[in-house]
């Protein structure tokens, strides 16, 4: 079990990385750039949960999941628009890069 203070730190880290990725995009949606301090509580909770899952499952398990997700998304048509789809793929690849993992299936 991860305590509340650690969940907060993990959530902030997820948000910081999301914003870093968003700034690399040609036309980031303004909501992608909202800092932690200005997020709604539900949006903060999403980032906390992502951080918590990453911490609990460990980098190697998450690497496997993200590589599979990137591969699946690359082979399927975008469901909710091209930009959103490409953003999801890019975000997954960015997390893999941070983990020092390959960004393409082996």
Protein backbone atom coordinates (compact mmCIF):
# COMPACT_ATOMS: atom_id res chain seq x y z
CA UNK A 1 0.00 0.00 0.00
CA UNK A 2 1.29 3.43 -0.92
CA UNK A 3 0.66 6.23 1.57
CA UNK A 4 -1.10 9.49 0.67
CA UNK A 5 2.07 11.60 0.65
CA UNK A 6 3.79 9.22 -1.78
CA UNK A 7 0.70 9.09 -4.01
CA UNK A 8 0.81 12.89 -4.15
CA UNK A 9 4.46 12.89 -5.20
CA UNK A 10 3.79 10.23 -7.82
CA UNK A 11 0.77 12.12 -9.15
CA UNK A 12 2.78 15.32 -9.47
CA UNK A 13 5.51 13.43 -11.33
CA UNK A 14 2.97 12.00 -13.78
CA UNK A 15 1.58 15.48 -14.41
CA UNK A 16 5.03 17.01 -14.88
CA UNK A 17 5.86 14.40 -17.49
CA UNK A 18 2.50 14.87 -19.22
CA UNK A 19 3.15 18.63 -19.47
CA UNK A 20 6.67 18.01 -20.79
CA UNK A 21 5.24 15.73 -23.48
CA UNK A 22 2.48 18.26 -24.30
CA UNK A 23 5.01 21.03 -24.83
CA UNK A 24 6.68 18.89 -27.49
CA UNK A 25 3.44 18.74 -29.50
CA UNK A 26 2.87 21.17 -32.39
CA UNK A 27 -0.46 22.48 -31.07
CA UNK A 28 -1.04 21.25 -27.53
CA UNK A 29 -4.55 21.47 -26.18
CA UNK A 30 -4.57 24.07 -23.38
CA UNK A 31 -5.89 21.52 -20.87
CA UNK A 32 -2.74 19.43 -21.44
CA UNK A 33 -0.65 22.29 -20.04
CA UNK A 34 -2.56 22.90 -16.81
CA UNK A 35 -0.12 22.63 -13.87
CA UNK A 36 -0.81 20.37 -10.91
CA UNK A 37 -1.81 23.25 -8.68
CA UNK A 38 -4.63 24.23 -11.08
CA UNK A 39 -6.00 20.74 -11.77
CA UNK A 40 -9.39 19.70 -10.50
CA UNK A 41 -9.37 17.05 -7.78
CA UNK A 42 -10.66 14.34 -10.17
CA UNK A 43 -7.82 15.11 -12.61
CA UNK A 44 -5.29 14.99 -9.79
CA UNK A 45 -6.68 11.64 -8.69
CA UNK A 46 -6.21 10.22 -12.19
CA UNK A 47 -2.53 11.23 -12.13
CA UNK A 48 -2.12 9.80 -8.61
CA UNK A 49 -3.60 6.49 -9.74
CA UNK A 50 -1.32 6.32 -12.77
CA UNK A 51 1.72 7.04 -10.59
CA UNK A 52 0.61 4.53 -8.00
CA UNK A 53 0.09 1.79 -10.59
CA UNK A 54 3.51 2.44 -12.09
CA UNK A 55 5.11 2.22 -8.67
CA UNK A 56 3.19 -0.90 -7.60
CA UNK A 57 3.64 -2.88 -10.78
CA UNK A 58 7.26 -2.00 -11.32
CA UNK A 59 9.02 -0.77 -14.39
CA UNK A 60 9.43 -4.13 -16.13
CA UNK A 61 5.75 -5.02 -15.95
CA UNK A 62 4.77 -1.53 -17.09
CA UNK A 63 7.27 -1.75 -19.94
CA UNK A 64 5.56 -4.91 -21.19
CA UNK A 65 2.12 -3.31 -20.98
CA UNK A 66 3.15 -0.08 -22.71
CA UNK A 67 5.01 -1.83 -25.54
CA UNK A 68 1.92 -3.96 -26.17
CA UNK A 69 -0.31 -0.88 -26.01
CA UNK A 70 1.85 1.03 -28.48
CA UNK A 71 1.84 -1.96 -30.83
CA UNK A 72 -1.94 -2.35 -30.57
CA UNK A 73 -2.58 1.34 -31.17
CA UNK A 74 -0.21 1.41 -34.13
CA UNK A 75 -2.20 -1.38 -35.78
CA UNK A 76 -5.68 0.03 -35.13
CA UNK A 77 -7.39 3.07 -36.61
CA UNK A 78 -7.80 6.00 -34.22
CA UNK A 79 -11.07 5.74 -32.34
CA UNK A 80 -11.47 9.31 -31.13
CA UNK A 81 -9.59 11.36 -33.68
CA UNK A 82 -6.12 11.28 -35.18
CA UNK A 83 -4.52 13.87 -32.87
CA UNK A 84 -5.84 12.23 -29.71
CA UNK A 85 -4.71 8.80 -30.95
CA UNK A 86 -1.23 10.06 -31.83
CA UNK A 87 -1.03 11.76 -28.45
CA UNK A 88 -1.73 8.51 -26.63
CA UNK A 89 0.90 6.65 -28.63
CA UNK A 90 3.45 9.43 -28.02
CA UNK A 91 2.68 9.54 -24.30
CA UNK A 92 3.18 5.78 -23.96
CA UNK A 93 6.44 5.96 -25.87
CA UNK A 94 7.63 8.82 -23.65
CA UNK A 95 7.02 6.74 -20.52
CA UNK A 96 8.95 3.87 -22.09
CA UNK A 97 11.84 6.24 -22.85
CA UNK A 98 11.89 7.38 -19.23
CA UNK A 99 12.04 3.75 -18.14
CA UNK A 100 14.97 3.22 -20.51
CA UNK A 101 12.90 0.67 -22.41
CA UNK A 102 12.56 0.15 -26.16
CA UNK A 103 9.66 2.03 -27.67
CA UNK A 104 8.88 -0.59 -30.31
CA UNK A 105 7.88 -4.26 -29.91
CA UNK A 106 10.79 -6.68 -29.78
